[in-house]
Amino acid sequence: MADVRLQKFLSDAGIMSRRAAEKAISEGRITVNGSPALTGMKVDPEKDTVILDGKKVTRDPSCVYIALNKPSGVITSMSDEKGRPTVAQLVSDCGRRVYPCGRLDMYSEGLLLLTDDGDVANRIMHPSHSISKQYAATVTRELSEAEVRELSVPFELDGYMLRPFEVWLDGYQHDISGKTFTKLRFTLHEGRNREIRNICARHGLKIARLTRISVGKITLDRIEPGKWRYLSQDEIDYLKGI
């Protein structure tokens, strides 16, 4: 087996993220073959002995892949210093320490993929793979078809031009007072932070609800809010082939 960076080895083992691994290395918590680990060093997973906090780290070749329906109000994080609910708590019964592949902001909901497979996580998150993600959004006023078409015009955000994205009208709904809300569908091809919220804000629109409904070919597939399911082998093979 080829040598891999120590941070990647720890991430693939489901022990910690690469960023957390770098911190643990700098804190002197890790040794490789009895010597203090160095940031950027490589290890042979089959021959080298990696010790973290006095315990040997082993990499289980079988990884876990999960689809979670994240509810609004839950943080996409493994922990939160403010004590807010996290996605880690929702998937704590999966038997492994898995990590989110990308993010959904606190008040967005829907499909979030989690895994302890570092390679697959990087494939999902790396911009070069351009995995499309589809969202259902509800805005708090009625829009004409012409206004919806205007939403799909890319613009510069934080100094970078947005990649082309698609927006289409998905219908209308009314609350008990008779106010009209517009239902929209967005398909994005990059992972810019709060992209849909920024698109809507640019046009003076307020989002009442935002739900991610698919990541590439993977969908929510009737997962209840706050619940998760294991990915099928076909879905895993799809992610590995991206």
Foldseek 3Di string as FASTA:
>chain_A
DDWDFPLLVCLQQQNDHSVVVQVQLVVQQKDKQPHRDDHRDIDDLVPIWMGGNRHTGHHDPDKFKKKAWAAAQEFQDCDDPVPTHYVVVLCVPVPGNWHWLAGDHRGATEIIMIMSHPVLSCCLAPLVNQWKWKKKWKWQADDDQVVQVVLQDWDDDPNRTFDGKDKGWDDWDADPVGGIITIMMIIGRHRDPCVVVVSQVVVVIDTPYMYTADTRPRGRVPADHSHMDTDDPVVVVVSVVD
